[in-house]
Amino acid sequence: MENKVVVVIGDRLGKGQKVAKGVESAGGKAILIPGMAADMKLGDVMYEEKADIGLSFCGSGGAGALMASNKHGYKSKHHLRSVDSGVTAIKEGAQVLGFGFLDSEELGRRIVEEYLRIHKKG
């Protein structure tokens, strides 16, 4: 069994490749949901994959994170606009992070690094 941080990425516009690259550069396993409106499938895929973290991206930064939280009970933090706000949300125990469009390697890398620091996983 893998002992990596599993991060599911759902982007409203079908993007998220840079975040996925950052997740993997930090030693995590990125699962990128393909296609448009992928953010709305985030909670279901997290549940199926037994993911540690879910990252949702859309214009408002809330839809996919709220859906995952409401349907599956994941602790979420949404309407995030920066890498630092995401790192803070992980420190606060959030499992699902909702961002405006922020497809950056730095985000994926720093989220996984912080999760590893807190949970000593790996």
PDB file of N, CA and C in Angstrom:
ATOM      1  N   MET A   1       0.836  -1.196   0.000  1.00  0.00           N
ATOM      2  CA  MET A   1       0.000   0.000   0.000  1.00  0.00           C
ATOM      3  C   MET A   1       0.879   1.258   0.000  1.00  0.00           C
ATOM      4  N   GLU A   2       0.468   2.188  -0.806  1.00  0.00           N
ATOM      5  CA  GLU A   2       1.214   3.444  -0.880  1.00  0.00           C
ATOM      6  C   GLU A   2       1.044   4.230   0.415  1.00  0.00           C
ATOM      7  N   ASN A   3       2.090   4.917   0.795  1.00  0.00           N
ATOM      8  CA  ASN A   3       2.008   5.771   1.970  1.00  0.00           C
ATOM      9  C   ASN A   3       2.320   7.206   1.567  1.00  0.00           C
ATOM     10  N   LYS A   4       1.667   7.658   0.502  1.00  0.00           N
ATOM     11  CA  LYS A   4       1.842   9.022   0.017  1.00  0.00           C
ATOM     12  C   LYS A   4       0.608   9.829   0.361  1.00  0.00           C
ATOM     13  N   VAL A   5       0.782  11.124   0.407  1.00  0.00           N
ATOM     14  CA  VAL A   5      -0.356  12.025   0.553  1.00  0.00           C
ATOM     15  C   VAL A   5      -1.109  12.014  -0.774  1.00  0.00           C
ATOM     16  N   VAL A   6      -2.390  11.669  -0.721  1.00  0.00           N
ATOM     17  CA  VAL A   6      -3.211  11.600  -1.925  1.00  0.00           C
ATOM     18  C   VAL A   6      -4.025  12.889  -2.034  1.00  0.00           C
ATOM     19  N   VAL A   7      -3.830  13.582  -3.151  1.00  0.00           N
ATOM     20  CA  VAL A   7      -4.496  14.865  -3.375  1.00  0.00           C
ATOM     21  C   VAL A   7      -5.346  14.772  -4.642  1.00  0.00           C
ATOM     22  N   VAL A   8      -6.640  15.015  -4.493  1.00  0.00           N
ATOM     23  CA  VAL A   8      -7.543  15.043  -5.644  1.00  0.00           C
ATOM     24  C   VAL A   8      -7.725  16.499  -6.058  1.00  0.00           C
ATOM     25  N   ILE A   9      -7.654  16.736  -7.366  1.00  0.00           N
ATOM     26  CA  ILE A   9      -7.741  18.096  -7.909  1.00  0.00           C
ATOM     27  C   ILE A   9      -8.914  18.175  -8.874  1.00  0.00           C
ATOM     28  N   GLY A  10      -9.815  19.110  -8.596  1.00  0.00           N
ATOM     29  CA  GLY A  10     -10.952  19.341  -9.483  1.00  0.00           C
ATOM     30  C   GLY A  10     -11.001  20.797  -9.890  1.00  0.00           C
ATOM     31  N   ASP A  11     -10.913  21.051 -11.190  1.00  0.00           N
ATOM     32  CA  ASP A  11     -10.901  22.421 -11.709  1.00  0.00           C
ATOM     33  C   ASP A  11     -12.096  22.621 -12.626  1.00  0.00           C
ATOM     34  N   ARG A  12     -12.826  23.695 -12.423  1.00  0.00           N
ATOM     35  CA  ARG A  12     -14.021  23.993 -13.206  1.00  0.00           C
ATOM     36  C   ARG A  12     -13.753  24.004 -14.705  1.00  0.00           C
ATOM     37  N   LEU A  13     -12.552  24.429 -15.106  1.00  0.00           N
ATOM     38  CA  LEU A  13     -12.226  24.535 -16.521  1.00  0.00           C
ATOM     39  C   LEU A  13     -11.382  23.361 -17.029  1.00  0.00           C
ATOM     40  N   GLY A  14     -11.263  22.314 -16.220  1.00  0.00           N
ATOM     41  CA  GLY A  14     -10.511  21.141 -16.643  1.00  0.00           C
ATOM     42  C   GLY A  14      -9.008  21.295 -16.561  1.00  0.00           C
ATOM     43  N   LYS A  15      -8.543  22.288 -15.818  1.00  0.00           N
ATOM     44  CA  LYS A  15      -7.099  22.500 -15.672  1.00  0.00           C
ATOM     45  C   LYS A  15      -6.615  21.841 -14.379  1.00  0.00           C
ATOM     46  N   GLY A  16      -5.497  22.310 -13.856  1.00  0.00           N
ATOM     47  CA  GLY A  16      -4.955  21.765 -12.618  1.00  0.00           C
ATOM     48  C   GLY A  16      -3.662  20.998 -12.808  1.00  0.00           C
ATOM     49  N   GLN A  17      -3.144  20.964 -14.034  1.00  0.00           N
ATOM     50  CA  GLN A  17      -1.930  20.206 -14.317  1.00  0.00           C
ATOM     51  C   GLN A  17      -0.712  20.740 -13.565  1.00  0.00           C
ATOM     52  N   LYS A  18      -0.619  22.055 -13.401  1.00  0.00           N
ATOM     53  CA  LYS A  18       0.529  22.630 -12.683  1.00  0.00           C
ATOM     54  C   LYS A  18       0.471  22.272 -11.199  1.00  0.00           C
ATOM     55  N   VAL A  19      -0.711  22.364 -10.609  1.00  0.00           N
ATOM     56  CA  VAL A  19      -0.864  21.984  -9.201  1.00  0.00           C
ATOM     57  C   VAL A  19      -0.486  20.514  -9.028  1.00  0.00           C
ATOM     58  N   ALA A  20      -0.949  19.663  -9.944  1.00  0.00           N
ATOM     59  CA  ALA A  20      -0.639  18.236  -9.875  1.00  0.00           C
ATOM     60  C   ALA A  20       0.873  18.005  -9.920  1.00  0.00           C
ATOM     61  N   LYS A  21       1.563  18.738 -10.774  1.00  0.00           N
ATOM     62  CA  LYS A  21       3.020  18.618 -10.877  1.00  0.00           C
ATOM     63  C   LYS A  21       3.681  19.011  -9.555  1.00  0.00           C
ATOM     64  N   GLY A  22       3.181  20.058  -8.908  1.00  0.00           N
ATOM     65  CA  GLY A  22       3.708  20.483  -7.614  1.00  0.00           C
ATOM     66  C   GLY A  22       3.463  19.451  -6.524  1.00  0.00           C
ATOM     67  N   VAL A  23       2.275  18.843  -6.529  1.00  0.00           N
ATOM     68  CA  VAL A  23       1.948  17.779  -5.563  1.00  0.00           C
ATOM     69  C   VAL A  23       2.959  16.646  -5.701  1.00  0.00           C
ATOM     70  N   GLU A  24       3.196  16.236  -6.931  1.00  0.00           N
ATOM     71  CA  GLU A  24       4.100  15.119  -7.163  1.00  0.00           C
ATOM     72  C   GLU A  24       5.554  15.473  -6.869  1.00  0.00           C
ATOM     73  N   SER A  25       5.939  16.726  -7.089  1.00  0.00           N
ATOM     74  CA  SER A  25       7.316  17.132  -6.787  1.00  0.00           C
ATOM     75  C   SER A  25       7.591  17.092  -5.281  1.00  0.00           C
ATOM     76  N   ALA A  26       6.530  17.197  -4.474  1.00  0.00           N
ATOM     77  CA  ALA A  26       6.674  17.130  -3.017  1.00  0.00           C
ATOM     78  C   ALA A  26       6.492  15.702  -2.497  1.00  0.00           C
ATOM     79  N   GLY A  27       6.330  14.752  -3.412  1.00  0.00           N
ATOM     80  CA  GLY A  27       6.208  13.357  -3.008  1.00  0.00           C
ATOM     81  C   GLY A  27       4.786  12.869  -2.834  1.00  0.00           C
ATOM     82  N   GLY A  28       3.813  13.683  -3.216  1.00  0.00           N
ATOM     83  CA  GLY A  28       2.419  13.277  -3.107  1.00  0.00           C
ATOM     84  C   GLY A  28       1.935  12.567  -4.358  1.00  0.00           C
ATOM     85  N   LYS A  29       0.749  12.024  -4.272  1.00  0.00           N
ATOM     86  CA  LYS A  29       0.089  11.396  -5.416  1.00  0.00           C
ATOM     87  C   LYS A  29      -1.066  12.304  -5.829  1.00  0.00           C
ATOM     88  N   ALA A  30      -1.005  12.821  -7.055  1.00  0.00           N
ATOM     89  CA  ALA A  30      -2.057  13.716  -7.559  1.00  0.00           C
ATOM     90  C   ALA A  30      -3.035  12.928  -8.415  1.00  0.00           C
ATOM     91  N   ILE A  31      -4.322  13.121  -8.143  1.00  0.00           N
ATOM     92  CA  ILE A  31      -5.380  12.553  -8.963  1.00  0.00           C
ATOM     93  C   ILE A  31      -6.128  13.737  -9.556  1.00  0.00           C
ATOM     94  N   LEU A  32      -5.954  13.940 -10.838  1.00  0.00           N
ATOM     95  CA  LEU A  32      -6.546  15.080 -11.528  1.00  0.00           C
ATOM     96  C   LEU A  32      -7.836  14.629 -12.207  1.00  0.00           C
ATOM     97  N   ILE A  33      -8.955  15.198 -11.779  1.00  0.00           N
ATOM     98  CA  ILE A  33     -10.244  14.854 -12.383  1.00  0.00           C
ATOM     99  C   ILE A  33     -10.315  15.528 -13.748  1.00  0.00           C
ATOM    100  N   PRO A  34     -10.545  14.754 -14.806  1.00  0.00           N
ATOM    101  CA  PRO A  34     -10.566  15.343 -16.152  1.00  0.00           C
ATOM    102  C   PRO A  34     -11.885  16.055 -16.470  1.00  0.00           C
ATOM    103  N   GLY A  35     -11.801  17.001 -17.377  1.00  0.00           N
ATOM    104  CA  GLY A  35     -12.999  17.596 -17.949  1.00  0.00           C
ATOM    105  C   GLY A  35     -13.536  18.826 -17.242  1.00  0.00           C
ATOM    106  N   MET A  36     -14.483  19.448 -17.932  1.00  0.00           N
ATOM    107  CA  MET A  36     -15.141  20.642 -17.413  1.00  0.00           C
ATOM    108  C   MET A  36     -15.976  20.282 -16.186  1.00  0.00           C
ATOM    109  N   ALA A  37     -16.122  21.227 -15.273  1.00  0.00           N
ATOM    110  CA  ALA A  37     -16.910  21.080 -14.038  1.00  0.00           C
ATOM    111  C   ALA A  37     -16.369  19.968 -13.134  1.00  0.00           C
ATOM    112  N   ALA A  38     -15.087  19.672 -13.236  1.00  0.00           N
ATOM    113  CA  ALA A  38     -14.464  18.637 -12.409  1.00  0.00           C
ATOM    114  C   ALA A  38     -14.551  18.981 -10.923  1.00  0.00           C
ATOM    115  N   ASP A  39     -14.614  20.270 -10.606  1.00  0.00           N
ATOM    116  CA  ASP A  39     -14.687  20.675  -9.195  1.00  0.00           C
ATOM    117  C   ASP A  39     -15.935  20.109  -8.511  1.00  0.00           C
ATOM    118  N   MET A  40     -17.005  19.922  -9.251  1.00  0.00           N
ATOM    119  CA  MET A  40     -18.244  19.432  -8.660  1.00  0.00           C
ATOM    120  C   MET A  40     -18.186  17.930  -8.356  1.00  0.00           C
ATOM    121  N   LYS A  41     -17.191  17.239  -8.868  1.00  0.00           N
ATOM    122  CA  LYS A  41     -17.013  15.799  -8.624  1.00  0.00           C
ATOM    123  C   LYS A  41     -15.987  15.538  -7.521  1.00  0.00           C
ATOM    124  N   LEU A  42     -15.409  16.590  -6.976  1.00  0.00           N
ATOM    125  CA  LEU A  42     -14.284  16.472  -6.053  1.00  0.00           C
ATOM    126  C   LEU A  42     -14.574  15.558  -4.863  1.00  0.00           C
ATOM    127  N   GLY A  43     -15.654  15.790  -4.158  1.00  0.00           N
ATOM    128  CA  GLY A  43     -15.974  14.994  -2.967  1.00  0.00           C
ATOM    129  C   GLY A  43     -16.137  13.520  -3.269  1.00  0.00           C
ATOM    130  N   ASP A  44     -16.821  13.216  -4.365  1.00  0.00           N
ATOM    131  CA  ASP A  44     -17.030  11.813  -4.742  1.00  0.00           C
ATOM    132  C   ASP A  44     -15.711  11.120  -5.047  1.00  0.00           C
ATOM    133  N   VAL A  45     -14.832  11.780  -5.793  1.00  0.00           N
ATOM    134  CA  VAL A  45     -13.541  11.175  -6.139  1.00  0.00           C
ATOM    135  C   VAL A  45     -12.667  11.054  -4.892  1.00  0.00           C
ATOM    136  N   MET A  46     -12.689  12.057  -4.029  1.00  0.00           N
ATOM    137  CA  MET A  46     -11.935  11.964  -2.769  1.00  0.00           C
ATOM    138  C   MET A  46     -12.381  10.740  -1.975  1.00  0.00           C
ATOM    139  N   TYR A  47     -13.678  10.561  -1.874  1.00  0.00           N
ATOM    140  CA  TYR A  47     -14.240   9.447  -1.124  1.00  0.00           C
ATOM    141  C   TYR A  47     -13.811   8.111  -1.737  1.00  0.00           C
ATOM    142  N   GLU A  48     -13.937   7.995  -3.062  1.00  0.00           N
ATOM    143  CA  GLU A  48     -13.566   6.763  -3.766  1.00  0.00           C
ATOM    144  C   GLU A  48     -12.085   6.437  -3.609  1.00  0.00           C
ATOM    145  N   GLU A  49     -11.253   7.459  -3.652  1.00  0.00           N
ATOM    146  CA  GLU A  49      -9.798   7.273  -3.614  1.00  0.00           C
ATOM    147  C   GLU A  49      -9.212   7.317  -2.206  1.00  0.00           C
ATOM    148  N   LYS A  50     -10.069   7.548  -1.203  1.00  0.00           N
ATOM    149  CA  LYS A  50      -9.613   7.692   0.187  1.00  0.00           C
ATOM    150  C   LYS A  50      -8.522   8.755   0.289  1.00  0.00           C
ATOM    151  N   ALA A  51      -8.778   9.885  -0.347  1.00  0.00           N
ATOM    152  CA  ALA A  51      -7.793  10.964  -0.441  1.00  0.00           C
ATOM    153  C   ALA A  51      -7.601  11.688   0.890  1.00  0.00           C
ATOM    154  N   ASP A  52      -6.420  12.250   1.039  1.00  0.00           N
ATOM    155  CA  ASP A  52      -6.097  13.054   2.222  1.00  0.00           C
ATOM    156  C   ASP A  52      -6.567  14.495   2.052  1.00  0.00           C
ATOM    157  N   ILE A  53      -6.433  15.019   0.834  1.00  0.00           N
ATOM    158  CA  ILE A  53      -6.710  16.427   0.557  1.00  0.00           C
ATOM    159  C   ILE A  53      -7.449  16.535  -0.772  1.00  0.00           C
ATOM    160  N   GLY A  54      -8.355  17.507  -0.841  1.00  0.00           N
ATOM    161  CA  GLY A  54      -9.010  17.837  -2.097  1.00  0.00           C
ATOM    162  C   GLY A  54      -8.808  19.309  -2.396  1.00  0.00           C
ATOM    163  N   LEU A  55      -8.492  19.608  -3.641  1.00  0.00           N
ATOM    164  CA  LEU A  55      -8.315  20.995  -4.074  1.00  0.00           C
ATOM    165  C   LEU A  55      -9.338  21.297  -5.157  1.00  0.00           C
ATOM    166  N   SER A  56     -10.132  22.318  -4.926  1.00  0.00           N
ATOM    167  CA  SER A  56     -11.178  22.719  -5.860  1.00  0.00           C
ATOM    168  C   SER A  56     -10.852  24.095  -6.416  1.00  0.00           C
ATOM    169  N   PHE A  57     -11.040  24.247  -7.733  1.00  0.00           N
ATOM    170  CA  PHE A  57     -10.769  25.525  -8.377  1.00  0.00           C
ATOM    171  C   PHE A  57     -11.965  25.939  -9.223  1.00  0.00           C
ATOM    172  N   CYS A  58     -12.463  27.137  -8.972  1.00  0.00           N
ATOM    173  CA  CYS A  58     -13.515  27.714  -9.806  1.00  0.00           C
ATOM    174  C   CYS A  58     -13.441  29.231  -9.637  1.00  0.00           C
ATOM    175  N   GLY A  59     -14.293  29.938 -10.297  1.00  0.00           N
ATOM    176  CA  GLY A  59     -14.253  31.394 -10.224  1.00  0.00           C
ATOM    177  C   GLY A  59     -14.393  31.926  -8.816  1.00  0.00           C
ATOM    178  N   SER A  60     -15.368  31.408  -8.069  1.00  0.00           N
ATOM    179  CA  SER A  60     -15.608  31.902  -6.709  1.00  0.00           C
ATOM    180  C   SER A  60     -14.706  31.232  -5.690  1.00  0.00           C
ATOM    181  N   GLY A  61     -14.312  30.016  -5.964  1.00  0.00           N
ATOM    182  CA  GLY A  61     -13.500  29.281  -4.996  1.00  0.00           C
ATOM    183  C   GLY A  61     -14.311  28.575  -3.948  1.00  0.00           C
ATOM    184  N   GLY A  62     -15.593  28.372  -4.193  1.00  0.00           N
ATOM    185  CA  GLY A  62     -16.415  27.746  -3.171  1.00  0.00           C
ATOM    186  C   GLY A  62     -17.194  26.520  -3.591  1.00  0.00           C
ATOM    187  N   ALA A  63     -17.646  26.451  -4.814  1.00  0.00           N
ATOM    188  CA  ALA A  63     -18.632  25.444  -5.223  1.00  0.00           C
ATOM    189  C   ALA A  63     -18.201  24.005  -4.954  1.00  0.00           C
ATOM    190  N   GLY A  64     -17.070  23.590  -5.479  1.00  0.00           N
ATOM    191  CA  GLY A  64     -16.639  22.206  -5.307  1.00  0.00           C
ATOM    192  C   GLY A  64     -16.314  21.864  -3.865  1.00  0.00           C
ATOM    193  N   ALA A  65     -15.710  22.798  -3.146  1.00  0.00           N
ATOM    194  CA  ALA A  65     -15.368  22.572  -1.742  1.00  0.00           C
ATOM    195  C   ALA A  65     -16.632  22.430  -0.898  1.00  0.00           C
ATOM    196  N   LEU A  66     -17.604  23.288  -1.148  1.00  0.00           N
ATOM    197  CA  LEU A  66     -18.860  23.204  -0.399  1.00  0.00           C
ATOM    198  C   LEU A  66     -19.612  21.914  -0.707  1.00  0.00           C
ATOM    199  N   MET A  67     -19.609  21.503  -1.965  1.00  0.00           N
ATOM    200  CA  MET A  67     -20.265  20.262  -2.358  1.00  0.00           C
ATOM    201  C   MET A  67     -19.619  19.073  -1.645  1.00  0.00           C
ATOM    202  N   ALA A  68     -18.283  19.020  -1.616  1.00  0.00           N
ATOM    203  CA  ALA A  68     -17.564  17.928  -0.952  1.00  0.00           C
ATOM    204  C   ALA A  68     -17.864  17.919   0.545  1.00  0.00           C
ATOM    205  N   SER A  69     -17.930  19.084   1.132  1.00  0.00           N
ATOM    206  CA  SER A  69     -18.209  19.207   2.551  1.00  0.00           C
ATOM    207  C   SER A  69     -19.639  18.780   2.878  1.00  0.00           C
ATOM    208  N   ASN A  70     -20.583  19.271   2.104  1.00  0.00           N
ATOM    209  CA  ASN A  70     -21.992  18.958   2.362  1.00  0.00           C
ATOM    210  C   ASN A  70     -22.318  17.493   2.124  1.00  0.00           C
ATOM    211  N   LYS A  71     -21.778  16.913   1.071  1.00  0.00           N
ATOM    212  CA  LYS A  71     -22.122  15.540   0.703  1.00  0.00           C
ATOM    213  C   LYS A  71     -21.367  14.494   1.522  1.00  0.00           C
ATOM    214  N   HIS A  72     -20.091  14.756   1.806  1.00  0.00           N
ATOM    215  CA  HIS A  72     -19.258  13.740   2.446  1.00  0.00           C
ATOM    216  C   HIS A  72     -18.733  14.131   3.827  1.00  0.00           C
ATOM    217  N   GLY A  73     -19.014  15.337   4.264  1.00  0.00           N
ATOM    218  CA  GLY A  73     -18.616  15.759   5.603  1.00  0.00           C
ATOM    219  C   GLY A  73     -17.169  16.166   5.772  1.00  0.00           C
ATOM    220  N   TYR A  74     -16.465  16.401   4.665  1.00  0.00           N
ATOM    221  CA  TYR A  74     -15.079  16.853   4.771  1.00  0.00           C
ATOM    222  C   TYR A  74     -15.047  18.264   5.332  1.00  0.00           C
ATOM    223  N   LYS A  75     -14.052  18.524   6.183  1.00  0.00           N
ATOM    224  CA  LYS A  75     -13.861  19.883   6.685  1.00  0.00           C
ATOM    225  C   LYS A  75     -13.288  20.726   5.554  1.00  0.00           C
ATOM    226  N   SER A  76     -13.957  21.829   5.249  1.00  0.00           N
ATOM    227  CA  SER A  76     -13.508  22.632   4.111  1.00  0.00           C
ATOM    228  C   SER A  76     -13.218  24.072   4.496  1.00  0.00           C
ATOM    229  N   LYS A  77     -12.412  24.668   3.674  1.00  0.00           N
ATOM    230  CA  LYS A  77     -12.123  26.108   3.739  1.00  0.00           C
ATOM    231  C   LYS A  77     -12.198  26.571   2.293  1.00  0.00           C
ATOM    232  N   HIS A  78     -12.991  27.602   2.043  1.00  0.00           N
ATOM    233  CA  HIS A  78     -13.205  28.001   0.657  1.00  0.00           C
ATOM    234  C   HIS A  78     -13.020  29.490   0.466  1.00  0.00           C
ATOM    235  N   HIS A  79     -13.112  29.906  -0.762  1.00  0.00           N
ATOM    236  CA  HIS A  79     -12.886  31.288  -1.184  1.00  0.00           C
ATOM    237  C   HIS A  79     -11.454  31.739  -0.888  1.00  0.00           C
ATOM    238  N   LEU A  80     -10.523  30.798  -1.028  1.00  0.00           N
ATOM    239  CA  LEU A  80      -9.110  31.086  -0.808  1.00  0.00           C
ATOM    240  C   LEU A  80      -8.518  31.710  -2.067  1.00  0.00           C
ATOM    241  N   ARG A  81      -7.555  32.604  -1.881  1.00  0.00           N
ATOM    242  CA  ARG A  81      -6.997  33.329  -3.024  1.00  0.00           C
ATOM    243  C   ARG A  81      -5.476  33.288  -3.116  1.00  0.00           C
ATOM    244  N   SER A  82      -4.812  32.609  -2.171  1.00  0.00           N
ATOM    245  CA  SER A  82      -3.348  32.590  -2.200  1.00  0.00           C
ATOM    246  C   SER A  82      -2.810  31.262  -1.685  1.00  0.00           C
ATOM    247  N   VAL A  83      -1.565  30.984  -2.018  1.00  0.00           N
ATOM    248  CA  VAL A  83      -0.896  29.789  -1.528  1.00  0.00           C
ATOM    249  C   VAL A  83      -0.850  29.809  -0.006  1.00  0.00           C
ATOM    250  N   ASP A  84      -0.488  30.949   0.570  1.00  0.00           N
ATOM    251  CA  ASP A  84      -0.399  31.056   2.032  1.00  0.00           C
ATOM    252  C   ASP A  84      -1.734  30.776   2.711  1.00  0.00           C
ATOM    253  N   SER A  85      -2.833  31.208   2.123  1.00  0.00           N
ATOM    254  CA  SER A  85      -4.138  30.937   2.736  1.00  0.00           C
ATOM    255  C   SER A  85      -4.436  29.444   2.703  1.00  0.00           C
ATOM    256  N   GLY A  86      -3.979  28.752   1.663  1.00  0.00           N
ATOM    257  CA  GLY A  86      -4.150  27.305   1.596  1.00  0.00           C
ATOM    258  C   GLY A  86      -3.330  26.575   2.648  1.00  0.00           C
ATOM    259  N   VAL A  87      -2.092  27.016   2.842  1.00  0.00           N
ATOM    260  CA  VAL A  87      -1.230  26.424   3.868  1.00  0.00           C
ATOM    261  C   VAL A  87      -1.856  26.625   5.249  1.00  0.00           C
ATOM    262  N   THR A  88      -2.381  27.806   5.498  1.00  0.00           N
ATOM    263  CA  THR A  88      -3.050  28.088   6.778  1.00  0.00           C
ATOM    264  C   THR A  88      -4.256  27.178   6.962  1.00  0.00           C
ATOM    265  N   ALA A  89      -5.040  26.963   5.916  1.00  0.00           N
ATOM    266  CA  ALA A  89      -6.213  26.092   5.999  1.00  0.00           C
ATOM    267  C   ALA A  89      -5.819  24.661   6.356  1.00  0.00           C
ATOM    268  N   ILE A  90      -4.708  24.172   5.792  1.00  0.00           N
ATOM    269  CA  ILE A  90      -4.211  22.829   6.133  1.00  0.00           C
ATOM    270  C   ILE A  90      -3.823  22.794   7.617  1.00  0.00           C
ATOM    271  N   LYS A  91      -3.156  23.840   8.091  1.00  0.00           N
ATOM    272  CA  LYS A  91      -2.785  23.927   9.516  1.00  0.00           C
ATOM    273  C   LYS A  91      -4.019  23.896  10.406  1.00  0.00           C
ATOM    274  N   GLU A  92      -5.126  24.452   9.917  1.00  0.00           N
ATOM    275  CA  GLU A  92      -6.377  24.503  10.686  1.00  0.00           C
ATOM    276  C   GLU A  92      -7.186  23.213  10.570  1.00  0.00           C
ATOM    277  N   GLY A  93      -6.673  22.244   9.830  1.00  0.00           N
ATOM    278  CA  GLY A  93      -7.332  20.946   9.744  1.00  0.00           C
ATOM    279  C   GLY A  93      -8.274  20.750   8.572  1.00  0.00           C
ATOM    280  N   ALA A  94      -8.287  21.675   7.632  1.00  0.00           N
ATOM    281  CA  ALA A  94      -9.164  21.518   6.471  1.00  0.00           C
ATOM    282  C   ALA A  94      -8.680  20.362   5.597  1.00  0.00           C
ATOM    283  N   GLN A  95      -9.637  19.620   5.056  1.00  0.00           N
ATOM    284  CA  GLN A  95      -9.344  18.516   4.136  1.00  0.00           C
ATOM    285  C   GLN A  95      -9.599  18.923   2.690  1.00  0.00           C
ATOM    286  N   VAL A  96     -10.525  19.849   2.501  1.00  0.00           N
ATOM    287  CA  VAL A  96     -10.884  20.326   1.167  1.00  0.00           C
ATOM    288  C   VAL A  96     -10.652  21.828   1.115  1.00  0.00           C
ATOM    289  N   LEU A  97      -9.904  22.260   0.109  1.00  0.00           N
ATOM    290  CA  LEU A  97      -9.590  23.671  -0.048  1.00  0.00           C
ATOM    291  C   LEU A  97     -10.197  24.167  -1.354  1.00  0.00           C
ATOM    292  N   GLY A  98     -10.949  25.246  -1.269  1.00  0.00           N
ATOM    293  CA  GLY A  98     -11.567  25.832  -2.452  1.00  0.00           C
ATOM    294  C   GLY A  98     -10.887  27.133  -2.815  1.00  0.00           C
ATOM    295  N   PHE A  99     -10.342  27.193  -4.023  1.00  0.00           N
ATOM    296  CA  PHE A  99      -9.612  28.366  -4.502  1.00  0.00           C
ATOM    297  C   PHE A  99     -10.303  28.971  -5.711  1.00  0.00           C
ATOM    298  N   GLY A 100     -10.049  30.261  -5.917  1.00  0.00           N
ATOM    299  CA  GLY A 100     -10.296  30.840  -7.226  1.00  0.00           C
ATOM    300  C   GLY A 100      -9.272  30.172  -8.139  1.00  0.00           C
ATOM    301  N   PHE A 101      -9.244  30.507  -9.383  1.00  0.00           N
ATOM    302  CA  PHE A 101      -8.314  29.846 -10.297  1.00  0.00           C
ATOM    303  C   PHE A 101      -6.872  30.158  -9.886  1.00  0.00           C
ATOM    304  N   LEU A 102      -6.132  29.128  -9.481  1.00  0.00           N
ATOM    305  CA  LEU A 102      -4.767  29.292  -8.976  1.00  0.00           C
ATOM    306  C   LEU A 102      -3.964  28.026  -9.292  1.00  0.00           C
ATOM    307  N   ASP A 103      -3.792  27.745 -10.570  1.00  0.00           N
ATOM    308  CA  ASP A 103      -3.089  26.538 -11.002  1.00  0.00           C
ATOM    309  C   ASP A 103      -1.588  26.799 -11.001  1.00  0.00           C
ATOM    310  N   SER A 104      -0.948  26.561  -9.846  1.00  0.00           N
ATOM    311  CA  SER A 104       0.492  26.793  -9.740  1.00  0.00           C
ATOM    312  C   SER A 104       1.181  25.622  -9.055  1.00  0.00           C
ATOM    313  N   GLU A 105       2.382  25.329  -9.509  1.00  0.00           N
ATOM    314  CA  GLU A 105       3.170  24.258  -8.895  1.00  0.00           C
ATOM    315  C   GLU A 105       3.433  24.561  -7.419  1.00  0.00           C
ATOM    316  N   GLU A 106       3.706  25.823  -7.112  1.00  0.00           N
ATOM    317  CA  GLU A 106       3.995  26.199  -5.726  1.00  0.00           C
ATOM    318  C   GLU A 106       2.858  25.797  -4.800  1.00  0.00           C
ATOM    319  N   LEU A 107       1.616  26.003  -5.230  1.00  0.00           N
ATOM    320  CA  LEU A 107       0.473  25.642  -4.398  1.00  0.00           C
ATOM    321  C   LEU A 107       0.474  24.150  -4.089  1.00  0.00           C
ATOM    322  N   GLY A 108       0.588  23.316  -5.105  1.00  0.00           N
ATOM    323  CA  GLY A 108       0.583  21.869  -4.887  1.00  0.00           C
ATOM    324  C   GLY A 108       1.708  21.415  -3.988  1.00  0.00           C
ATOM    325  N   ARG A 109       2.897  21.940  -4.233  1.00  0.00           N
ATOM    326  CA  ARG A 109       4.082  21.556  -3.450  1.00  0.00           C
ATOM    327  C   ARG A 109       3.928  21.956  -1.989  1.00  0.00           C
ATOM    328  N   ARG A 110       3.555  23.201  -1.745  1.00  0.00           N
ATOM    329  CA  ARG A 110       3.494  23.693  -0.356  1.00  0.00           C
ATOM    330  C   ARG A 110       2.360  23.057   0.445  1.00  0.00           C
ATOM    331  N   ILE A 111       1.253  22.744  -0.204  1.00  0.00           N
ATOM    332  CA  ILE A 111       0.140  22.080   0.497  1.00  0.00           C
ATOM    333  C   ILE A 111       0.590  20.700   0.974  1.00  0.00           C
ATOM    334  N   VAL A 112       1.249  19.946   0.096  1.00  0.00           N
ATOM    335  CA  VAL A 112       1.719  18.605   0.471  1.00  0.00           C
ATOM    336  C   VAL A 112       2.806  18.702   1.543  1.00  0.00           C
ATOM    337  N   GLU A 113       3.732  19.627   1.383  1.00  0.00           N
ATOM    338  CA  GLU A 113       4.791  19.781   2.392  1.00  0.00           C
ATOM    339  C   GLU A 113       4.204  20.084   3.767  1.00  0.00           C
ATOM    340  N   GLU A 114       3.213  20.957   3.827  1.00  0.00           N
ATOM    341  CA  GLU A 114       2.599  21.297   5.113  1.00  0.00           C
ATOM    342  C   GLU A 114       1.846  20.111   5.693  1.00  0.00           C
ATOM    343  N   TYR A 115       1.117  19.410   4.842  1.00  0.00           N
ATOM    344  CA  TYR A 115       0.387  18.227   5.308  1.00  0.00           C
ATOM    345  C   TYR A 115       1.364  17.207   5.902  1.00  0.00           C
ATOM    346  N   LEU A 116       2.484  16.984   5.213  1.00  0.00           N
ATOM    347  CA  LEU A 116       3.497  16.047   5.711  1.00  0.00           C
ATOM    348  C   LEU A 116       4.079  16.494   7.050  1.00  0.00           C
ATOM    349  N   ARG A 117       4.324  17.790   7.177  1.00  0.00           N
ATOM    350  CA  ARG A 117       4.858  18.336   8.438  1.00  0.00           C
ATOM    351  C   ARG A 117       3.894  18.054   9.595  1.00  0.00           C
ATOM    352  N   ILE A 118       2.622  18.249   9.349  1.00  0.00           N
ATOM    353  CA  ILE A 118       1.607  18.079  10.399  1.00  0.00           C
ATOM    354  C   ILE A 118       1.368  16.607  10.719  1.00  0.00           C
ATOM    355  N   HIS A 119       1.262  15.793   9.686  1.00  0.00           N
ATOM    356  CA  HIS A 119       0.824  14.397   9.860  1.00  0.00           C
ATOM    357  C   HIS A 119       1.955  13.383   9.832  1.00  0.00           C
ATOM    358  N   LYS A 120       3.176  13.849   9.580  1.00  0.00           N
ATOM    359  CA  LYS A 120       4.348  12.947   9.578  1.00  0.00           C
ATOM    360  C   LYS A 120       4.111  11.725   8.703  1.00  0.00           C
ATOM    361  N   LYS A 121       3.505  11.950   7.551  1.00  0.00           N
ATOM    362  CA  LYS A 121       3.202  10.859   6.630  1.00  0.00           C
ATOM    363  C   LYS A 121       4.314  10.761   5.585  1.00  0.00           C
ATOM    364  N   GLY A 122       4.637   9.555   5.151  1.00  0.00           N
ATOM    365  CA  GLY A 122       5.609   9.413   4.080  1.00  0.00           C
ATOM    366  C   GLY A 122       6.742   8.503   4.422  1.00  0.00           C
TER     367      GLY A 122
END
